[in-house]
Amino acid sequence: MDYFKDFFKKIEDLIDDKLNQFECKLAEMYKPEGKEIMTRAETAEYFGVSLGTLNNWSKSGILVPIDFGGRVYYTRNEIQAKLGLAS
């Protein structure tokens, strides 16, 4: 049984590594002119609000998060649109 647990753990670790690599590549693609995808912490700092407030905004539809690999991101375009700064 331990063999299977070890085997599945190794597979899980490999998948996590590949997802993290893909996530990094994806993030790089979206920032040709500055960072286009922002983490929750970066978005909260950008608005000057707490993570709790940001979570409430997401739940109420004020901001629409992007869920990727178990992490939450926001696009700069959406943030700027909400602030009326979109070009």
N, C-alpha and C. Protein backbone atom coordinates (compact mmCIF):
# COMPACT_ATOMS: atom_id res chain seq x y z
N MET A 1 0.81 -1.20 0.00
CA MET A 1 0.00 0.00 0.00
C MET A 1 0.86 1.27 0.00
N ASP A 2 1.95 1.24 0.73
CA ASP A 2 2.82 2.42 0.77
C ASP A 2 3.37 2.74 -0.61
N TYR A 3 3.58 1.69 -1.39
CA TYR A 3 4.08 1.90 -2.75
C TYR A 3 3.11 2.76 -3.54
N PHE A 4 1.81 2.45 -3.45
CA PHE A 4 0.81 3.21 -4.18
C PHE A 4 0.70 4.64 -3.67
N LYS A 5 0.78 4.80 -2.36
CA LYS A 5 0.74 6.15 -1.78
C LYS A 5 1.91 6.98 -2.28
N ASP A 6 3.10 6.39 -2.29
CA ASP A 6 4.29 7.09 -2.78
C ASP A 6 4.16 7.40 -4.27
N PHE A 7 3.65 6.44 -5.01
CA PHE A 7 3.48 6.62 -6.45
C PHE A 7 2.53 7.78 -6.75
N PHE A 8 1.38 7.78 -6.09
CA PHE A 8 0.39 8.83 -6.32
C PHE A 8 0.89 10.19 -5.82
N LYS A 9 1.65 10.18 -4.76
CA LYS A 9 2.24 11.43 -4.26
C LYS A 9 3.22 12.00 -5.28
N LYS A 10 4.02 11.14 -5.89
CA LYS A 10 4.97 11.60 -6.91
C LYS A 10 4.24 12.15 -8.12
N ILE A 11 3.17 11.48 -8.53
CA ILE A 11 2.37 11.97 -9.65
C ILE A 11 1.75 13.32 -9.31
N GLU A 12 1.21 13.44 -8.12
CA GLU A 12 0.61 14.70 -7.68
C GLU A 12 1.65 15.82 -7.67
N ASP A 13 2.84 15.53 -7.19
CA ASP A 13 3.92 16.53 -7.17
C ASP A 13 4.32 16.95 -8.58
N LEU A 14 4.40 15.98 -9.48
CA LEU A 14 4.74 16.29 -10.87
C LEU A 14 3.68 17.17 -11.52
N ILE A 15 2.43 16.86 -11.28
CA ILE A 15 1.33 17.67 -11.83
C ILE A 15 1.38 19.08 -11.26
N ASP A 16 1.59 19.20 -9.95
CA ASP A 16 1.70 20.52 -9.33
C ASP A 16 2.84 21.33 -9.94
N ASP A 17 3.98 20.69 -10.14
CA ASP A 17 5.12 21.37 -10.75
C ASP A 17 4.80 21.85 -12.16
N LYS A 18 4.18 20.99 -12.95
CA LYS A 18 3.83 21.36 -14.33
C LYS A 18 2.80 22.48 -14.35
N LEU A 19 1.83 22.44 -13.44
CA LEU A 19 0.84 23.51 -13.37
C LEU A 19 1.49 24.83 -12.97
N ASN A 20 2.42 24.79 -12.04
CA ASN A 20 3.12 26.00 -11.64
C ASN A 20 3.95 26.56 -12.78
N GLN A 21 4.60 25.69 -13.55
CA GLN A 21 5.37 26.15 -14.70
C GLN A 21 4.45 26.78 -15.74
N PHE A 22 3.31 26.14 -15.99
CA PHE A 22 2.35 26.67 -16.95
C PHE A 22 1.80 28.01 -16.48
N GLU A 23 1.52 28.10 -15.20
CA GLU A 23 1.01 29.34 -14.62
C GLU A 23 2.01 30.48 -14.82
N CYS A 24 3.28 30.20 -14.60
CA CYS A 24 4.32 31.22 -14.79
C CYS A 24 4.40 31.66 -16.24
N LYS A 25 4.34 30.70 -17.15
CA LYS A 25 4.38 31.03 -18.58
C LYS A 25 3.16 31.85 -18.98
N LEU A 26 2.01 31.47 -18.46
CA LEU A 26 0.78 32.20 -18.77
C LEU A 26 0.85 33.62 -18.24
N ALA A 27 1.34 33.78 -17.03
CA ALA A 27 1.48 35.12 -16.44
C ALA A 27 2.43 35.98 -17.26
N GLU A 28 3.51 35.39 -17.76
CA GLU A 28 4.46 36.13 -18.59
C GLU A 28 3.81 36.60 -19.90
N MET A 29 2.93 35.78 -20.45
CA MET A 29 2.26 36.14 -21.70
C MET A 29 1.36 37.35 -21.53
N TYR A 30 0.83 37.55 -20.34
CA TYR A 30 -0.13 38.62 -20.10
C TYR A 30 0.49 39.89 -19.54
N LYS A 31 1.78 40.04 -19.64
CA LYS A 31 2.36 41.27 -19.13
C LYS A 31 3.38 41.88 -20.10
N PRO A 32 2.97 42.11 -21.35
CA PRO A 32 3.90 42.75 -22.28
C PRO A 32 4.16 44.21 -21.94
N GLU A 33 3.17 44.90 -21.40
CA GLU A 33 3.32 46.31 -21.02
C GLU A 33 3.01 46.47 -19.54
N GLY A 34 3.81 45.88 -18.71
CA GLY A 34 3.52 45.89 -17.28
C GLY A 34 2.73 44.65 -16.93
N LYS A 35 2.48 44.46 -15.69
CA LYS A 35 1.80 43.25 -15.24
C LYS A 35 0.32 43.34 -15.52
N GLU A 36 -0.19 42.44 -16.35
CA GLU A 36 -1.59 42.45 -16.74
C GLU A 36 -2.47 41.57 -15.86
N ILE A 37 -1.87 40.56 -15.23
CA ILE A 37 -2.60 39.71 -14.31
C ILE A 37 -2.06 39.97 -12.92
N MET A 38 -2.97 40.23 -11.98
CA MET A 38 -2.56 40.57 -10.63
C MET A 38 -3.08 39.55 -9.63
N THR A 39 -2.30 39.27 -8.62
CA THR A 39 -2.73 38.37 -7.55
C THR A 39 -3.75 39.09 -6.67
N ARG A 40 -4.34 38.36 -5.75
CA ARG A 40 -5.29 38.97 -4.82
C ARG A 40 -4.61 40.06 -4.00
N ALA A 41 -3.41 39.76 -3.51
CA ALA A 41 -2.68 40.73 -2.68
C ALA A 41 -2.35 41.99 -3.48
N GLU A 42 -1.90 41.82 -4.72
CA GLU A 42 -1.58 42.97 -5.56
C GLU A 42 -2.82 43.79 -5.88
N THR A 43 -3.94 43.11 -6.13
CA THR A 43 -5.19 43.81 -6.43
C THR A 43 -5.70 44.56 -5.21
N ALA A 44 -5.64 43.93 -4.05
CA ALA A 44 -6.07 44.60 -2.82
C ALA A 44 -5.21 45.83 -2.55
N GLU A 45 -3.91 45.70 -2.76
CA GLU A 45 -3.01 46.83 -2.56
C GLU A 45 -3.31 47.94 -3.58
N TYR A 46 -3.58 47.56 -4.82
CA TYR A 46 -3.90 48.51 -5.88
C TYR A 46 -5.11 49.36 -5.51
N PHE A 47 -6.14 48.70 -4.94
CA PHE A 47 -7.36 49.42 -4.53
C PHE A 47 -7.23 50.02 -3.13
N GLY A 48 -6.24 49.59 -2.37
CA GLY A 48 -6.10 50.07 -1.00
C GLY A 48 -7.15 49.50 -0.07
N VAL A 49 -7.50 48.23 -0.29
CA VAL A 49 -8.51 47.57 0.53
C VAL A 49 -7.92 46.28 1.10
N SER A 50 -8.66 45.67 2.02
CA SER A 50 -8.22 44.40 2.61
C SER A 50 -8.57 43.24 1.68
N LEU A 51 -7.97 42.09 1.95
CA LEU A 51 -8.30 40.89 1.18
C LEU A 51 -9.76 40.49 1.41
N GLY A 52 -10.28 40.75 2.59
CA GLY A 52 -11.68 40.46 2.88
C GLY A 52 -12.62 41.29 2.01
N THR A 53 -12.30 42.57 1.86
CA THR A 53 -13.10 43.44 1.00
C THR A 53 -13.03 42.96 -0.44
N LEU A 54 -11.85 42.60 -0.88
CA LEU A 54 -11.68 42.09 -2.23
C LEU A 54 -12.51 40.82 -2.43
N ASN A 55 -12.51 39.95 -1.44
CA ASN A 55 -13.32 38.73 -1.50
C ASN A 55 -14.81 39.07 -1.59
N ASN A 56 -15.25 40.05 -0.82
CA ASN A 56 -16.66 40.47 -0.87
C ASN A 56 -17.00 41.03 -2.25
N TRP A 57 -16.10 41.81 -2.83
CA TRP A 57 -16.32 42.35 -4.17
C TRP A 57 -16.44 41.23 -5.20
N SER A 58 -15.63 40.19 -5.04
CA SER A 58 -15.70 39.05 -5.96
C SER A 58 -17.02 38.31 -5.81
N LYS A 59 -17.45 38.10 -4.57
CA LYS A 59 -18.71 37.40 -4.33
C LYS A 59 -19.90 38.18 -4.86
N SER A 60 -19.83 39.51 -4.78
CA SER A 60 -20.96 40.32 -5.23
C SER A 60 -20.87 40.67 -6.72
N GLY A 61 -19.81 40.26 -7.38
CA GLY A 61 -19.70 40.50 -8.82
C GLY A 61 -19.09 41.82 -9.21
N ILE A 62 -18.61 42.58 -8.25
CA ILE A 62 -17.96 43.85 -8.57
C ILE A 62 -16.70 43.60 -9.37
N LEU A 63 -15.92 42.63 -8.94
CA LEU A 63 -14.75 42.17 -9.71
C LEU A 63 -14.94 40.69 -9.99
N VAL A 64 -14.55 40.26 -11.18
CA VAL A 64 -14.67 38.86 -11.54
C VAL A 64 -13.27 38.24 -11.53
N PRO A 65 -13.03 37.33 -10.60
CA PRO A 65 -11.70 36.72 -10.50
C PRO A 65 -11.49 35.66 -11.56
N ILE A 66 -10.22 35.37 -11.81
CA ILE A 66 -9.82 34.27 -12.67
C ILE A 66 -9.23 33.21 -11.74
N ASP A 67 -9.84 32.04 -11.71
CA ASP A 67 -9.32 30.94 -10.90
C ASP A 67 -8.42 30.10 -11.78
N PHE A 68 -7.17 29.95 -11.35
CA PHE A 68 -6.23 29.16 -12.14
C PHE A 68 -5.31 28.40 -11.20
N GLY A 69 -5.33 27.11 -11.30
CA GLY A 69 -4.45 26.30 -10.47
C GLY A 69 -4.69 26.47 -8.98
N GLY A 70 -5.94 26.72 -8.61
CA GLY A 70 -6.27 26.89 -7.20
C GLY A 70 -5.91 28.27 -6.66
N ARG A 71 -5.50 29.16 -7.54
CA ARG A 71 -5.16 30.53 -7.14
C ARG A 71 -6.10 31.50 -7.84
N VAL A 72 -6.22 32.69 -7.27
CA VAL A 72 -7.14 33.68 -7.79
C VAL A 72 -6.36 34.88 -8.33
N TYR A 73 -6.74 35.32 -9.51
CA TYR A 73 -6.11 36.47 -10.16
C TYR A 73 -7.17 37.42 -10.68
N TYR A 74 -6.75 38.63 -10.96
CA TYR A 74 -7.61 39.64 -11.58
C TYR A 74 -6.84 40.27 -12.73
N THR A 75 -7.56 40.69 -13.76
CA THR A 75 -6.89 41.33 -14.89
C THR A 75 -6.85 42.83 -14.68
N ARG A 76 -5.76 43.43 -15.09
CA ARG A 76 -5.61 44.88 -14.97
C ARG A 76 -6.69 45.60 -15.78
N ASN A 77 -7.06 45.07 -16.94
CA ASN A 77 -8.09 45.70 -17.76
C ASN A 77 -9.42 45.79 -17.02
N GLU A 78 -9.79 44.72 -16.33
CA GLU A 78 -11.05 44.75 -15.58
C GLU A 78 -10.97 45.75 -14.43
N ILE A 79 -9.84 45.77 -13.74
CA ILE A 79 -9.67 46.71 -12.63
C ILE A 79 -9.77 48.15 -13.14
N GLN A 80 -9.09 48.42 -14.23
CA GLN A 80 -9.13 49.77 -14.79
C GLN A 80 -10.53 50.12 -15.27
N ALA A 81 -11.24 49.15 -15.84
CA ALA A 81 -12.62 49.40 -16.28
C ALA A 81 -13.52 49.74 -15.09
N LYS A 82 -13.31 49.03 -13.97
CA LYS A 82 -14.11 49.32 -12.78
C LYS A 82 -13.81 50.70 -12.22
N LEU A 83 -12.59 51.16 -12.42
CA LEU A 83 -12.23 52.48 -11.96
C LEU A 83 -12.50 53.56 -12.99
N GLY A 84 -12.96 53.15 -14.19
CA GLY A 84 -13.22 54.10 -15.25
C GLY A 84 -11.95 54.58 -15.93
N LEU A 85 -10.90 53.75 -15.88
CA LEU A 85 -9.61 54.14 -16.47
C LEU A 85 -9.29 53.40 -17.74
N ALA A 86 -10.21 52.55 -18.23
CA ALA A 86 -9.92 51.75 -19.42
C ALA A 86 -9.74 52.65 -20.63
N SER A 87 -8.79 52.25 -21.47
CA SER A 87 -8.54 53.07 -22.66
C SER A 87 -9.23 52.50 -23.86
